[in-house]
Amino acid sequence: MQIKVWTIAAILVTTLSGCLENDGERAVAGAAAGAIIADATDNNVLAGAAIGAGAGALCDDAGICR
């Protein structure tokens, strides 16, 4: 069940991050999404926010959200 939630979350975050203009905006959106998803799945909210922020900030460099 958690794999399905994380897959859907990753797709939504990737889609949203393409609409934002710079790494800072994508990092904030990723942190918010990561914290919300972590809370919904009863995981560490701070860790979820950190992972989401990193993913949001680096997705443009990886070529995912161009």
PDB file of N, CA and C in Angstrom:
ATOM      1  N   MET A   1       0.821  -1.196   0.000  1.00  0.00           N
ATOM      2  CA  MET A   1       0.000   0.000   0.000  1.00  0.00           C
ATOM      3  C   MET A   1       0.862   1.257   0.000  1.00  0.00           C
ATOM      4  N   GLN A   2       1.957   1.256   0.788  1.00  0.00           N
ATOM      5  CA  GLN A   2       2.804   2.437   0.850  1.00  0.00           C
ATOM      6  C   GLN A   2       3.492   2.711  -0.480  1.00  0.00           C
ATOM      7  N   ILE A   3       3.827   1.655  -1.216  1.00  0.00           N
ATOM      8  CA  ILE A   3       4.475   1.861  -2.514  1.00  0.00           C
ATOM      9  C   ILE A   3       3.530   2.601  -3.451  1.00  0.00           C
ATOM     10  N   LYS A   4       2.268   2.264  -3.432  1.00  0.00           N
ATOM     11  CA  LYS A   4       1.285   2.941  -4.281  1.00  0.00           C
ATOM     12  C   LYS A   4       1.177   4.416  -3.901  1.00  0.00           C
ATOM     13  N   VAL A   5       1.139   4.712  -2.617  1.00  0.00           N
ATOM     14  CA  VAL A   5       1.030   6.096  -2.150  1.00  0.00           C
ATOM     15  C   VAL A   5       2.262   6.887  -2.575  1.00  0.00           C
ATOM     16  N   TRP A   6       3.444   6.320  -2.392  1.00  0.00           N
ATOM     17  CA  TRP A   6       4.672   7.021  -2.753  1.00  0.00           C
ATOM     18  C   TRP A   6       4.781   7.220  -4.262  1.00  0.00           C
ATOM     19  N   THR A   7       4.326   6.257  -5.034  1.00  0.00           N
ATOM     20  CA  THR A   7       4.361   6.399  -6.494  1.00  0.00           C
ATOM     21  C   THR A   7       3.452   7.532  -6.942  1.00  0.00           C
ATOM     22  N   ILE A   8       2.248   7.558  -6.422  1.00  0.00           N
ATOM     23  CA  ILE A   8       1.312   8.639  -6.763  1.00  0.00           C
ATOM     24  C   ILE A   8       1.868   9.981  -6.311  1.00  0.00           C
ATOM     25  N   ALA A   9       2.433  10.019  -5.129  1.00  0.00           N
ATOM     26  CA  ALA A   9       3.007  11.269  -4.621  1.00  0.00           C
ATOM     27  C   ALA A   9       4.152  11.756  -5.492  1.00  0.00           C
ATOM     28  N   ALA A  10       5.007  10.838  -5.921  1.00  0.00           N
ATOM     29  CA  ALA A  10       6.132  11.219  -6.775  1.00  0.00           C
ATOM     30  C   ALA A  10       5.652  11.787  -8.102  1.00  0.00           C
ATOM     31  N   ILE A  11       4.631  11.187  -8.662  1.00  0.00           N
ATOM     32  CA  ILE A  11       4.076  11.688  -9.923  1.00  0.00           C
ATOM     33  C   ILE A  11       3.490  13.081  -9.736  1.00  0.00           C
ATOM     34  N   LEU A  12       2.750  13.279  -8.659  1.00  0.00           N
ATOM     35  CA  LEU A  12       2.148  14.594  -8.407  1.00  0.00           C
ATOM     36  C   LEU A  12       3.195  15.665  -8.145  1.00  0.00           C
ATOM     37  N   VAL A  13       4.209  15.345  -7.369  1.00  0.00           N
ATOM     38  CA  VAL A  13       5.254  16.318  -7.068  1.00  0.00           C
ATOM     39  C   VAL A  13       6.039  16.667  -8.329  1.00  0.00           C
ATOM     40  N   THR A  14       6.341  15.665  -9.139  1.00  0.00           N
ATOM     41  CA  THR A  14       7.069  15.918 -10.384  1.00  0.00           C
ATOM     42  C   THR A  14       6.260  16.795 -11.318  1.00  0.00           C
ATOM     43  N   THR A  15       4.987  16.526 -11.421  1.00  0.00           N
ATOM     44  CA  THR A  15       4.126  17.339 -12.280  1.00  0.00           C
ATOM     45  C   THR A  15       4.043  18.770 -11.779  1.00  0.00           C
ATOM     46  N   LEU A  16       3.877  18.942 -10.489  1.00  0.00           N
ATOM     47  CA  LEU A  16       3.796  20.282  -9.906  1.00  0.00           C
ATOM     48  C   LEU A  16       5.109  21.032 -10.049  1.00  0.00           C
ATOM     49  N   SER A  17       6.206  20.347  -9.865  1.00  0.00           N
ATOM     50  CA  SER A  17       7.495  21.034  -9.889  1.00  0.00           C
ATOM     51  C   SER A  17       7.841  21.578 -11.264  1.00  0.00           C
ATOM     52  N   GLY A  18       7.284  21.027 -12.309  1.00  0.00           N
ATOM     53  CA  GLY A  18       7.523  21.550 -13.644  1.00  0.00           C
ATOM     54  C   GLY A  18       6.895  22.913 -13.860  1.00  0.00           C
ATOM     55  N   CYS A  19       5.913  23.271 -13.074  1.00  0.00           N
ATOM     56  CA  CYS A  19       5.219  24.550 -13.217  1.00  0.00           C
ATOM     57  C   CYS A  19       5.954  25.682 -12.507  1.00  0.00           C
ATOM     58  N   LEU A  20       6.874  25.367 -11.656  1.00  0.00           N
ATOM     59  CA  LEU A  20       7.568  26.378 -10.874  1.00  0.00           C
ATOM     60  C   LEU A  20       8.824  26.830 -11.611  1.00  0.00           C
ATOM     61  N   GLU A  21       9.258  28.054 -11.341  1.00  0.00           N
ATOM     62  CA  GLU A  21      10.298  28.667 -12.163  1.00  0.00           C
ATOM     63  C   GLU A  21      11.731  28.488 -11.672  1.00  0.00           C
ATOM     64  N   ASN A  22      11.960  28.342 -10.378  1.00  0.00           N
ATOM     65  CA  ASN A  22      13.345  28.209  -9.931  1.00  0.00           C
ATOM     66  C   ASN A  22      13.469  27.120  -8.869  1.00  0.00           C
ATOM     67  N   ASP A  23      14.717  26.805  -8.543  1.00  0.00           N
ATOM     68  CA  ASP A  23      14.969  25.721  -7.590  1.00  0.00           C
ATOM     69  C   ASP A  23      14.374  25.989  -6.214  1.00  0.00           C
ATOM     70  N   GLY A  24      14.373  27.234  -5.775  1.00  0.00           N
ATOM     71  CA  GLY A  24      13.816  27.564  -4.462  1.00  0.00           C
ATOM     72  C   GLY A  24      12.330  27.285  -4.381  1.00  0.00           C
ATOM     73  N   GLU A  25      11.597  27.676  -5.421  1.00  0.00           N
ATOM     74  CA  GLU A  25      10.145  27.418  -5.444  1.00  0.00           C
ATOM     75  C   GLU A  25       9.863  25.922  -5.484  1.00  0.00           C
ATOM     76  N   ARG A  26      10.641  25.193  -6.291  1.00  0.00           N
ATOM     77  CA  ARG A  26      10.446  23.749  -6.364  1.00  0.00           C
ATOM     78  C   ARG A  26      10.800  23.072  -5.046  1.00  0.00           C
ATOM     79  N   ALA A  27      11.826  23.579  -4.356  1.00  0.00           N
ATOM     80  CA  ALA A  27      12.210  23.005  -3.064  1.00  0.00           C
ATOM     81  C   ALA A  27      11.120  23.216  -2.015  1.00  0.00           C
ATOM     82  N   VAL A  28      10.519  24.398  -2.001  1.00  0.00           N
ATOM     83  CA  VAL A  28       9.432  24.676  -1.043  1.00  0.00           C
ATOM     84  C   VAL A  28       8.227  23.782  -1.324  1.00  0.00           C
ATOM     85  N   ALA A  29       7.862  23.662  -2.603  1.00  0.00           N
ATOM     86  CA  ALA A  29       6.729  22.804  -2.966  1.00  0.00           C
ATOM     87  C   ALA A  29       7.028  21.352  -2.633  1.00  0.00           C
ATOM     88  N   GLY A  30       8.249  20.919  -2.890  1.00  0.00           N
ATOM     89  CA  GLY A  30       8.634  19.543  -2.559  1.00  0.00           C
ATOM     90  C   GLY A  30       8.630  19.279  -1.069  1.00  0.00           C
ATOM     91  N   ALA A  31       9.104  20.255  -0.292  1.00  0.00           N
ATOM     92  CA  ALA A  31       9.106  20.101   1.166  1.00  0.00           C
ATOM     93  C   ALA A  31       7.686  20.002   1.705  1.00  0.00           C
ATOM     94  N   ALA A  32       6.801  20.844   1.194  1.00  0.00           N
ATOM     95  CA  ALA A  32       5.402  20.797   1.644  1.00  0.00           C
ATOM     96  C   ALA A  32       4.765  19.465   1.273  1.00  0.00           C
ATOM     97  N   ALA A  33       4.969  19.036   0.051  1.00  0.00           N
ATOM     98  CA  ALA A  33       4.393  17.757  -0.386  1.00  0.00           C
ATOM     99  C   ALA A  33       4.984  16.595   0.397  1.00  0.00           C
ATOM    100  N   GLY A  34       6.287  16.620   0.625  1.00  0.00           N
ATOM    101  CA  GLY A  34       6.925  15.548   1.390  1.00  0.00           C
ATOM    102  C   GLY A  34       6.417  15.477   2.818  1.00  0.00           C
ATOM    103  N   ALA A  35       6.228  16.633   3.440  1.00  0.00           N
ATOM    104  CA  ALA A  35       5.721  16.655   4.815  1.00  0.00           C
ATOM    105  C   ALA A  35       4.285  16.149   4.884  1.00  0.00           C
ATOM    106  N   ILE A  36       3.472  16.555   3.937  1.00  0.00           N
ATOM    107  CA  ILE A  36       2.071  16.112   3.920  1.00  0.00           C
ATOM    108  C   ILE A  36       1.977  14.611   3.696  1.00  0.00           C
ATOM    109  N   ILE A  37       2.755  14.115   2.750  1.00  0.00           N
ATOM    110  CA  ILE A  37       2.725  12.677   2.456  1.00  0.00           C
ATOM    111  C   ILE A  37       3.256  11.874   3.640  1.00  0.00           C
ATOM    112  N   ALA A  38       4.337  12.345   4.264  1.00  0.00           N
ATOM    113  CA  ALA A  38       4.881  11.642   5.427  1.00  0.00           C
ATOM    114  C   ALA A  38       3.884  11.606   6.569  1.00  0.00           C
ATOM    115  N   ASP A  39       3.189  12.703   6.792  1.00  0.00           N
ATOM    116  CA  ASP A  39       2.182  12.734   7.852  1.00  0.00           C
ATOM    117  C   ASP A  39       1.022  11.791   7.538  1.00  0.00           C
ATOM    118  N   ALA A  40       0.604  11.766   6.282  1.00  0.00           N
ATOM    119  CA  ALA A  40      -0.513  10.902   5.896  1.00  0.00           C
ATOM    120  C   ALA A  40      -0.165   9.425   6.005  1.00  0.00           C
ATOM    121  N   THR A  41       1.109   9.100   5.858  1.00  0.00           N
ATOM    122  CA  THR A  41       1.529   7.698   5.917  1.00  0.00           C
ATOM    123  C   THR A  41       2.168   7.347   7.258  1.00  0.00           C
ATOM    124  N   ASP A  42       1.988   8.210   8.252  1.00  0.00           N
ATOM    125  CA  ASP A  42       2.513   7.997   9.610  1.00  0.00           C
ATOM    126  C   ASP A  42       4.023   7.802   9.631  1.00  0.00           C
ATOM    127  N   ASN A  43       4.742   8.619   8.866  1.00  0.00           N
ATOM    128  CA  ASN A  43       6.202   8.614   8.864  1.00  0.00           C
ATOM    129  C   ASN A  43       6.708   9.921   9.446  1.00  0.00           C
ATOM    130  N   ASN A  44       8.012  10.056   9.549  1.00  0.00           N
ATOM    131  CA  ASN A  44       8.646  11.243  10.103  1.00  0.00           C
ATOM    132  C   ASN A  44       8.422  12.428   9.167  1.00  0.00           C
ATOM    133  N   VAL A  45       7.722  13.445   9.635  1.00  0.00           N
ATOM    134  CA  VAL A  45       7.365  14.608   8.815  1.00  0.00           C
ATOM    135  C   VAL A  45       8.610  15.395   8.426  1.00  0.00           C
ATOM    136  N   LEU A  46       9.547  15.559   9.334  1.00  0.00           N
ATOM    137  CA  LEU A  46      10.761  16.311   9.039  1.00  0.00           C
ATOM    138  C   LEU A  46      11.586  15.611   7.957  1.00  0.00           C
ATOM    139  N   ALA A  47      11.703  14.310   8.051  1.00  0.00           N
ATOM    140  CA  ALA A  47      12.436  13.563   7.026  1.00  0.00           C
ATOM    141  C   ALA A  47      11.722  13.649   5.678  1.00  0.00           C
ATOM    142  N   GLY A  48      10.408  13.560   5.685  1.00  0.00           N
ATOM    143  CA  GLY A  48       9.643  13.695   4.450  1.00  0.00           C
ATOM    144  C   GLY A  48       9.819  15.053   3.814  1.00  0.00           C
ATOM    145  N   ALA A  49       9.842  16.101   4.635  1.00  0.00           N
ATOM    146  CA  ALA A  49      10.054  17.451   4.120  1.00  0.00           C
ATOM    147  C   ALA A  49      11.454  17.604   3.541  1.00  0.00           C
ATOM    148  N   ALA A  50      12.439  17.036   4.199  1.00  0.00           N
ATOM    149  CA  ALA A  50      13.819  17.122   3.708  1.00  0.00           C
ATOM    150  C   ALA A  50      13.986  16.388   2.384  1.00  0.00           C
ATOM    151  N   ILE A  51      13.408  15.210   2.280  1.00  0.00           N
ATOM    152  CA  ILE A  51      13.490  14.444   1.035  1.00  0.00           C
ATOM    153  C   ILE A  51      12.745  15.176  -0.078  1.00  0.00           C
ATOM    154  N   GLY A  52      11.571  15.687   0.234  1.00  0.00           N
ATOM    155  CA  GLY A  52      10.787  16.428  -0.756  1.00  0.00           C
ATOM    156  C   GLY A  52      11.489  17.684  -1.234  1.00  0.00           C
ATOM    157  N   ALA A  53      12.133  18.401  -0.316  1.00  0.00           N
ATOM    158  CA  ALA A  53      12.864  19.611  -0.684  1.00  0.00           C
ATOM    159  C   ALA A  53      14.033  19.274  -1.597  1.00  0.00           C
ATOM    160  N   GLY A  54      14.746  18.227  -1.261  1.00  0.00           N
ATOM    161  CA  GLY A  54      15.865  17.809  -2.108  1.00  0.00           C
ATOM    162  C   GLY A  54      15.407  17.388  -3.490  1.00  0.00           C
ATOM    163  N   ALA A  55      14.334  16.631  -3.532  1.00  0.00           N
ATOM    164  CA  ALA A  55      13.805  16.190  -4.826  1.00  0.00           C
ATOM    165  C   ALA A  55      13.315  17.369  -5.650  1.00  0.00           C
ATOM    166  N   GLY A  56      12.656  18.305  -5.015  1.00  0.00           N
ATOM    167  CA  GLY A  56      12.166  19.472  -5.735  1.00  0.00           C
ATOM    168  C   GLY A  56      13.284  20.345  -6.270  1.00  0.00           C
ATOM    169  N   ALA A  57      14.310  20.530  -5.467  1.00  0.00           N
ATOM    170  CA  ALA A  57      15.420  21.390  -5.883  1.00  0.00           C
ATOM    171  C   ALA A  57      16.262  20.750  -6.973  1.00  0.00           C
ATOM    172  N   LEU A  58      16.387  19.437  -6.955  1.00  0.00           N
ATOM    173  CA  LEU A  58      17.273  18.760  -7.897  1.00  0.00           C
ATOM    174  C   LEU A  58      16.577  18.192  -9.127  1.00  0.00           C
ATOM    175  N   CYS A  59      15.259  18.249  -9.185  1.00  0.00           N
ATOM    176  CA  CYS A  59      14.566  17.618 -10.316  1.00  0.00           C
ATOM    177  C   CYS A  59      14.905  18.281 -11.639  1.00  0.00           C
ATOM    178  N   ASP A  60      15.142  19.591 -11.631  1.00  0.00           N
ATOM    179  CA  ASP A  60      15.511  20.283 -12.868  1.00  0.00           C
ATOM    180  C   ASP A  60      16.909  19.869 -13.314  1.00  0.00           C
ATOM    181  N   ASP A  61      17.816  19.702 -12.385  1.00  0.00           N
ATOM    182  CA  ASP A  61      19.180  19.281 -12.708  1.00  0.00           C
ATOM    183  C   ASP A  61      19.211  17.863 -13.253  1.00  0.00           C
ATOM    184  N   ALA A  62      18.283  17.033 -12.800  1.00  0.00           N
ATOM    185  CA  ALA A  62      18.207  15.652 -13.279  1.00  0.00           C
ATOM    186  C   ALA A  62      17.447  15.545 -14.602  1.00  0.00           C
ATOM    187  N   GLY A  63      16.831  16.634 -15.034  1.00  0.00           N
ATOM    188  CA  GLY A  63      16.109  16.621 -16.296  1.00  0.00           C
ATOM    189  C   GLY A  63      14.706  16.068 -16.205  1.00  0.00           C
ATOM    190  N   ILE A  64      14.172  15.960 -15.003  1.00  0.00           N
ATOM    191  CA  ILE A  64      12.844  15.387 -14.799  1.00  0.00           C
ATOM    192  C   ILE A  64      11.754  16.432 -15.014  1.00  0.00           C
ATOM    193  N   CYS A  65      11.986  17.654 -14.573  1.00  0.00           N
ATOM    194  CA  CYS A  65      10.918  18.654 -14.597  1.00  0.00           C
ATOM    195  C   CYS A  65      11.286  19.856 -15.462  1.00  0.00           C
ATOM    196  N   ARG A  66      11.658  19.606 -16.668  1.00  0.00           N
ATOM    197  CA  ARG A  66      12.011  20.701 -17.586  1.00  0.00           C
ATOM    198  C   ARG A  66      10.816  21.171 -18.339  1.00  0.00           C
TER     199      ARG A  66
END
